[in-house]
All heavy atoms as atom14 arrays in JSON, in Angstrom:
{
  "sequence": "KEREFVSTISWKSSTYYAESVKGRFTISRDNA",
  "atom14_mask": [
    [1, 1, 1, 1, 1, 1, 1, 1, 1, 0, 0, 0, 0, 0],
    [1, 1, 1, 1, 1, 1, 1, 1, 1, 0, 0, 0, 0, 0],
    [1, 1, 1, 1, 1, 1, 1, 1, 1, 1, 1, 0, 0, 0],
    [1, 1, 1, 1, 1, 1, 1, 1, 1, 0, 0, 0, 0, 0],
    [1, 1, 1, 1, 1, 1, 1, 1, 1, 1, 1, 0, 0, 0],
    [1, 1, 1, 1, 1, 1, 1, 0, 0, 0, 0, 0, 0, 0],
    [1, 1, 1, 1, 1, 1, 0, 0, 0, 0, 0, 0, 0, 0],
    [1, 1, 1, 1, 1, 1, 1, 0, 0, 0, 0, 0, 0, 0],
    [1, 1, 1, 1, 1, 1, 1, 1, 0, 0, 0, 0, 0, 0],
    [1, 1, 1, 1, 1, 1, 0, 0, 0, 0, 0, 0, 0, 0],
    [1, 1, 1, 1, 1, 1, 1, 1, 1, 1, 1, 1, 1, 1],
    [1, 1, 1, 1, 1, 1, 1, 1, 1, 0, 0, 0, 0, 0],
    [1, 1, 1, 1, 1, 1, 0, 0, 0, 0, 0, 0, 0, 0],
    [1, 1, 1, 1, 1, 1, 0, 0, 0, 0, 0, 0, 0, 0],
    [1, 1, 1, 1, 1, 1, 1, 0, 0, 0, 0, 0, 0, 0],
    [1, 1, 1, 1, 1, 1, 1, 1, 1, 1, 1, 1, 0, 0],
    [1, 1, 1, 1, 1, 1, 1, 1, 1, 1, 1, 1, 0, 0],
    [1, 1, 1, 1, 1, 0, 0, 0, 0, 0, 0, 0, 0, 0],
    [1, 1, 1, 1, 1, 1, 1, 1, 1, 0, 0, 0, 0, 0],
    [1, 1, 1, 1, 1, 1, 0, 0, 0, 0, 0, 0, 0, 0],
    [1, 1, 1, 1, 1, 1, 1, 0, 0, 0, 0, 0, 0, 0],
    [1, 1, 1, 1, 1, 1, 1, 1, 1, 0, 0, 0, 0, 0],
    [1, 1, 1, 1, 0, 0, 0, 0, 0, 0, 0, 0, 0, 0],
    [1, 1, 1, 1, 1, 1, 1, 1, 1, 1, 1, 0, 0, 0],
    [1, 1, 1, 1, 1, 1, 1, 1, 1, 1, 1, 0, 0, 0],
    [1, 1, 1, 1, 1, 1, 1, 0, 0, 0, 0, 0, 0, 0],
    [1, 1, 1, 1, 1, 1, 1, 1, 0, 0, 0, 0, 0, 0],
    [1, 1, 1, 1, 1, 1, 0, 0, 0, 0, 0, 0, 0, 0],
    [1, 1, 1, 1, 1, 1, 1, 1, 1, 1, 1, 0, 0, 0],
    [1, 1, 1, 1, 1, 1, 1, 1, 0, 0, 0, 0, 0, 0],
    [1, 1, 1, 1, 1, 1, 1, 1, 0, 0, 0, 0, 0, 0],
    [1, 1, 1, 1, 1, 0, 0, 0, 0, 0, 0, 0, 0, 0]
  ],
  "atom14_positions": [
    [[110.57, 110.21, 123.61], [109.44, 110.73, 122.84], [108.95, 109.69, 121.84], [109.67, 108.77, 121.47], [109.84, 112.0, 122.09], [110.38, 113.11, 122.96], [109.31, 113.69, 123.85], [109.84, 114.88, 124.63], [108.8, 115.47, 125.49], [0.0, 0.0, 0.0], [0.0, 0.0, 0.0], [0.0, 0.0, 0.0], [0.0, 0.0, 0.0], [0.0, 0.0, 0.0]],
    [[107.7, 109.86, 121.43], [107.16, 109.02, 120.38], [107.74, 109.41, 119.04], [108.2, 110.54, 118.84], [105.64, 109.13, 120.34], [104.94, 108.56, 121.54], [103.44, 108.57, 121.4], [102.93, 109.23, 120.46], [102.76, 107.92, 122.19], [0.0, 0.0, 0.0], [0.0, 0.0, 0.0], [0.0, 0.0, 0.0], [0.0, 0.0, 0.0], [0.0, 0.0, 0.0]],
    [[107.71, 108.47, 118.14], [108.15, 108.77, 116.79], [107.22, 109.81, 116.18], [106.0, 109.71, 116.26], [108.17, 107.5, 115.95], [108.84, 107.67, 114.59], [109.13, 106.32, 113.95], [110.08, 105.55, 114.74], [110.59, 104.39, 114.34], [110.26, 103.88, 113.16], [111.44, 103.74, 115.12], [0.0, 0.0, 0.0], [0.0, 0.0, 0.0], [0.0, 0.0, 0.0]],
    [[107.81, 110.81, 115.58], [107.1, 111.99, 115.12], [107.21, 112.13, 113.61], [108.3, 112.01, 113.03], [107.7, 113.23, 115.8], [107.15, 114.56, 115.34], [107.94, 115.72, 115.89], [109.12, 115.54, 116.24], [107.37, 116.83, 115.98], [0.0, 0.0, 0.0], [0.0, 0.0, 0.0], [0.0, 0.0, 0.0], [0.0, 0.0, 0.0], [0.0, 0.0, 0.0]],
    [[106.1, 112.41, 112.98], [106.09, 112.69, 111.55], [106.86, 113.96, 111.25], [106.71, 114.97, 111.94], [104.65, 112.83, 111.06], [104.53, 113.37, 109.67], [104.77, 112.56, 108.58], [104.18, 114.69, 109.46], [104.66, 113.05, 107.29], [104.07, 115.2, 108.18], [104.31, 114.37, 107.09], [0.0, 0.0, 0.0], [0.0, 0.0, 0.0], [0.0, 0.0, 0.0]],
    [[107.67, 113.92, 110.21], [108.43, 115.08, 109.78], [107.96, 115.55, 108.41], [107.61, 116.71, 108.22], [109.94, 114.78, 109.75], [110.7, 115.97, 109.16], [110.44, 114.45, 111.14], [0.0, 0.0, 0.0], [0.0, 0.0, 0.0], [0.0, 0.0, 0.0], [0.0, 0.0, 0.0], [0.0, 0.0, 0.0], [0.0, 0.0, 0.0], [0.0, 0.0, 0.0]],
    [[107.96, 114.64, 107.44], [107.63, 115.03, 106.08], [107.3, 113.8, 105.26], [107.73, 112.69, 105.57], [108.81, 115.77, 105.44], [108.48, 116.26, 104.16], [0.0, 0.0, 0.0], [0.0, 0.0, 0.0], [0.0, 0.0, 0.0], [0.0, 0.0, 0.0], [0.0, 0.0, 0.0], [0.0, 0.0, 0.0], [0.0, 0.0, 0.0], [0.0, 0.0, 0.0]],
    [[106.53, 114.0, 104.2], [106.22, 112.93, 103.28], [106.18, 113.47, 101.86], [105.93, 114.66, 101.65], [104.87, 112.26, 103.64], [104.63, 111.14, 102.77], [103.71, 113.23, 103.51], [0.0, 0.0, 0.0], [0.0, 0.0, 0.0], [0.0, 0.0, 0.0], [0.0, 0.0, 0.0], [0.0, 0.0, 0.0], [0.0, 0.0, 0.0], [0.0, 0.0, 0.0]],
    [[106.42, 112.59, 100.92], [106.37, 112.95, 99.51], [105.68, 111.82, 98.76], [106.0, 110.65, 98.93], [107.78, 113.24, 98.96], [107.71, 113.69, 97.5], [108.71, 112.04, 99.13], [109.02, 114.32, 97.01], [0.0, 0.0, 0.0], [0.0, 0.0, 0.0], [0.0, 0.0, 0.0], [0.0, 0.0, 0.0], [0.0, 0.0, 0.0], [0.0, 0.0, 0.0]],
    [[104.71, 112.19, 97.95], [103.95, 111.2, 97.2], [104.71, 110.74, 95.97], [105.78, 111.26, 95.64], [102.6, 111.78, 96.78], [102.74, 112.66, 95.68], [0.0, 0.0, 0.0], [0.0, 0.0, 0.0], [0.0, 0.0, 0.0], [0.0, 0.0, 0.0], [0.0, 0.0, 0.0], [0.0, 0.0, 0.0], [0.0, 0.0, 0.0], [0.0, 0.0, 0.0]],
    [[104.12, 109.79, 95.28], [104.77, 109.29, 94.07], [104.83, 110.34, 92.98], [105.64, 110.23, 92.06], [104.06, 108.03, 93.57], [102.72, 108.25, 92.94], [101.64, 108.89, 93.47], [102.33, 107.8, 91.63], [100.59, 108.87, 92.57], [101.0, 108.2, 91.45], [102.97, 107.1, 90.61], [100.29, 107.93, 90.28], [102.28, 106.82, 89.45], [100.96, 107.22, 89.3]],
    [[103.97, 111.35, 93.06], [103.99, 112.46, 92.12], [104.68, 113.69, 92.7], [104.56, 114.78, 92.16], [102.57, 112.81, 91.69], [101.9, 111.71, 90.88], [100.55, 112.15, 90.35], [99.94, 111.08, 89.47], [98.62, 111.5, 88.93], [0.0, 0.0, 0.0], [0.0, 0.0, 0.0], [0.0, 0.0, 0.0], [0.0, 0.0, 0.0], [0.0, 0.0, 0.0]],
    [[105.37, 113.5, 93.78], [106.19, 114.53, 94.42], [105.39, 115.64, 95.09], [105.93, 116.74, 95.29], [107.2, 115.11, 93.42], [108.12, 114.12, 93.01], [0.0, 0.0, 0.0], [0.0, 0.0, 0.0], [0.0, 0.0, 0.0], [0.0, 0.0, 0.0], [0.0, 0.0, 0.0], [0.0, 0.0, 0.0], [0.0, 0.0, 0.0], [0.0, 0.0, 0.0]],
    [[104.14, 115.36, 95.44], [103.45, 116.27, 96.35], [104.06, 116.12, 97.73], [104.4, 115.01, 98.15], [101.96, 115.94, 96.4], [101.36, 116.14, 95.14], [0.0, 0.0, 0.0], [0.0, 0.0, 0.0], [0.0, 0.0, 0.0], [0.0, 0.0, 0.0], [0.0, 0.0, 0.0], [0.0, 0.0, 0.0], [0.0, 0.0, 0.0], [0.0, 0.0, 0.0]],
    [[104.19, 117.21, 98.43], [104.88, 117.18, 99.72], [104.02, 117.72, 100.84], [103.1, 118.51, 100.62], [106.19, 117.98, 99.65], [105.9, 119.35, 99.31], [107.13, 117.4, 98.62], [0.0, 0.0, 0.0], [0.0, 0.0, 0.0], [0.0, 0.0, 0.0], [0.0, 0.0, 0.0], [0.0, 0.0, 0.0], [0.0, 0.0, 0.0], [0.0, 0.0, 0.0]],
    [[104.35, 117.29, 102.04], [103.68, 117.75, 103.24], [104.68, 117.74, 104.38], [105.51, 116.84, 104.48], [102.49, 116.85, 103.58], [101.7, 117.32, 104.77], [100.71, 118.29, 104.62], [101.94, 116.82, 106.04], [99.98, 118.73, 105.71], [101.23, 117.26, 107.13], [100.24, 118.22, 106.96], [99.53, 118.66, 108.04], [0.0, 0.0, 0.0], [0.0, 0.0, 0.0]],
    [[104.58, 118.75, 105.25], [105.52, 118.9, 106.34], [104.82, 119.11, 107.67], [103.77, 119.75, 107.73], [106.43, 120.11, 106.09], [107.24, 120.01, 104.83], [106.75, 120.52, 103.63], [108.48, 119.4, 104.83], [107.48, 120.43, 102.47], [109.22, 119.3, 103.66], [108.71, 119.82, 102.49], [109.44, 119.72, 101.33], [0.0, 0.0, 0.0], [0.0, 0.0, 0.0]],
    [[105.43, 118.6, 108.7], [104.99, 118.95, 110.03], [105.19, 120.45, 110.25], [106.13, 121.05, 109.72], [105.78, 118.17, 111.08], [0.0, 0.0, 0.0], [0.0, 0.0, 0.0], [0.0, 0.0, 0.0], [0.0, 0.0, 0.0], [0.0, 0.0, 0.0], [0.0, 0.0, 0.0], [0.0, 0.0, 0.0], [0.0, 0.0, 0.0], [0.0, 0.0, 0.0]],
    [[104.31, 121.04, 111.02], [104.4, 122.48, 111.26], [105.74, 122.87, 111.89], [106.25, 123.96, 111.62], [103.25, 122.94, 112.16], [101.89, 122.95, 111.47], [101.82, 123.94, 110.33], [102.42, 125.04, 110.45], [101.17, 123.65, 109.32], [0.0, 0.0, 0.0], [0.0, 0.0, 0.0], [0.0, 0.0, 0.0], [0.0, 0.0, 0.0], [0.0, 0.0, 0.0]],
    [[106.3, 121.99, 112.66], [107.53, 122.3, 113.36], [108.73, 122.45, 112.43], [109.74, 123.06, 112.81], [107.84, 121.23, 114.4], [107.96, 119.96, 113.79], [0.0, 0.0, 0.0], [0.0, 0.0, 0.0], [0.0, 0.0, 0.0], [0.0, 0.0, 0.0], [0.0, 0.0, 0.0], [0.0, 0.0, 0.0], [0.0, 0.0, 0.0], [0.0, 0.0, 0.0]],
    [[108.64, 121.91, 111.21], [109.76, 121.98, 110.29], [109.43, 122.74, 109.01], [110.33, 122.98, 108.19], [110.28, 120.57, 109.92], [110.6, 119.77, 111.18], [109.28, 119.82, 109.05], [0.0, 0.0, 0.0], [0.0, 0.0, 0.0], [0.0, 0.0, 0.0], [0.0, 0.0, 0.0], [0.0, 0.0, 0.0], [0.0, 0.0, 0.0], [0.0, 0.0, 0.0]],
    [[108.2, 123.12, 108.84], [107.78, 123.8, 107.62], [108.59, 125.08, 107.41], [108.76, 125.87, 108.34], [106.29, 124.11, 107.68], [105.7, 124.62, 106.38], [104.19, 124.83, 106.51], [103.46, 123.53, 106.79], [101.99, 123.72, 106.86], [0.0, 0.0, 0.0], [0.0, 0.0, 0.0], [0.0, 0.0, 0.0], [0.0, 0.0, 0.0], [0.0, 0.0, 0.0]],
    [[109.07, 125.25, 106.2], [109.89, 126.39, 105.88], [111.36, 126.2, 106.11], [112.17, 127.01, 105.64], [0.0, 0.0, 0.0], [0.0, 0.0, 0.0], [0.0, 0.0, 0.0], [0.0, 0.0, 0.0], [0.0, 0.0, 0.0], [0.0, 0.0, 0.0], [0.0, 0.0, 0.0], [0.0, 0.0, 0.0], [0.0, 0.0, 0.0], [0.0, 0.0, 0.0]],
    [[111.72, 125.14, 106.83], [113.12, 124.86, 107.11], [113.6, 123.57, 106.45], [114.78, 123.48, 106.09], [113.35, 124.76, 108.62], [112.98, 126.03, 109.38], [113.39, 125.93, 110.85], [112.68, 124.87, 111.54], [113.28, 123.8, 112.09], [114.6, 123.67, 112.04], [112.56, 122.89, 112.72], [0.0, 0.0, 0.0], [0.0, 0.0, 0.0], [0.0, 0.0, 0.0]],
    [[112.73, 122.6, 106.32], [113.09, 121.31, 105.74], [112.45, 121.17, 104.37], [111.35, 121.67, 104.12], [112.6, 120.15, 106.61], [113.29, 119.99, 107.93], [114.15, 120.95, 108.43], [113.05, 118.85, 108.68], [114.78, 120.78, 109.66], [113.68, 118.67, 109.9], [114.54, 119.63, 110.39], [0.0, 0.0, 0.0], [0.0, 0.0, 0.0], [0.0, 0.0, 0.0]],
    [[113.12, 120.47, 103.49], [112.6, 120.18, 102.16], [112.81, 118.71, 101.85], [113.93, 118.21, 101.91], [113.28, 121.03, 101.09], [113.1, 122.42, 101.37], [112.68, 120.73, 99.71], [0.0, 0.0, 0.0], [0.0, 0.0, 0.0], [0.0, 0.0, 0.0], [0.0, 0.0, 0.0], [0.0, 0.0, 0.0], [0.0, 0.0, 0.0], [0.0, 0.0, 0.0]],
    [[111.73, 118.03, 101.5], [111.82, 116.64, 101.09], [111.79, 116.58, 99.57], [111.11, 117.37, 98.91], [110.67, 115.8, 101.7], [110.9, 114.3, 101.48], [109.31, 116.24, 101.17], [109.93, 113.41, 102.25], [0.0, 0.0, 0.0], [0.0, 0.0, 0.0], [0.0, 0.0, 0.0], [0.0, 0.0, 0.0], [0.0, 0.0, 0.0], [0.0, 0.0, 0.0]],
    [[112.53, 115.65, 99.02], [112.54, 115.45, 97.58], [112.85, 113.99, 97.29], [113.28, 113.25, 98.17], [113.56, 116.37, 96.9], [114.87, 116.1, 97.34], [0.0, 0.0, 0.0], [0.0, 0.0, 0.0], [0.0, 0.0, 0.0], [0.0, 0.0, 0.0], [0.0, 0.0, 0.0], [0.0, 0.0, 0.0], [0.0, 0.0, 0.0], [0.0, 0.0, 0.0]],
    [[112.61, 113.6, 96.07], [112.92, 112.23, 95.69], [113.5, 112.19, 94.3], [113.16, 113.01, 93.44], [111.69, 111.32, 95.79], [110.57, 111.63, 94.81], [109.29, 110.88, 95.18], [109.45, 109.44, 95.12], [108.64, 108.56, 95.71], [107.61, 108.99, 96.42], [108.86, 107.26, 95.59], [0.0, 0.0, 0.0], [0.0, 0.0, 0.0], [0.0, 0.0, 0.0]],
    [[114.37, 111.25, 94.08], [114.96, 110.99, 92.79], [114.66, 109.54, 92.46], [115.33, 108.63, 92.94], [116.47, 111.25, 92.81], [117.1, 111.13, 91.44], [116.53, 110.48, 90.55], [118.2, 111.68, 91.25], [0.0, 0.0, 0.0], [0.0, 0.0, 0.0], [0.0, 0.0, 0.0], [0.0, 0.0, 0.0], [0.0, 0.0, 0.0], [0.0, 0.0, 0.0]],
    [[113.62, 109.33, 91.68], [113.18, 107.97, 91.4], [114.21, 107.18, 90.6], [114.28, 105.96, 90.74], [111.84, 108.0, 90.66], [110.7, 108.44, 91.55], [110.78, 108.36, 92.77], [109.63, 108.92, 90.94], [0.0, 0.0, 0.0], [0.0, 0.0, 0.0], [0.0, 0.0, 0.0], [0.0, 0.0, 0.0], [0.0, 0.0, 0.0], [0.0, 0.0, 0.0]],
    [[114.99, 107.86, 89.78], [116.02, 107.18, 89.01], [117.08, 106.58, 89.92], [117.73, 105.6, 89.56], [116.66, 108.12, 88.01], [0.0, 0.0, 0.0], [0.0, 0.0, 0.0], [0.0, 0.0, 0.0], [0.0, 0.0, 0.0], [0.0, 0.0, 0.0], [0.0, 0.0, 0.0], [0.0, 0.0, 0.0], [0.0, 0.0, 0.0], [0.0, 0.0, 0.0]]
  ]
}
């Protein structure tokens, strides 16, 4: 399969998810 987008998080922690994982996956970041 081709590489598939799962999730992204902006520098201000806005998030976006592929429909296939929405509600099941959570992306987060710890800049420190």
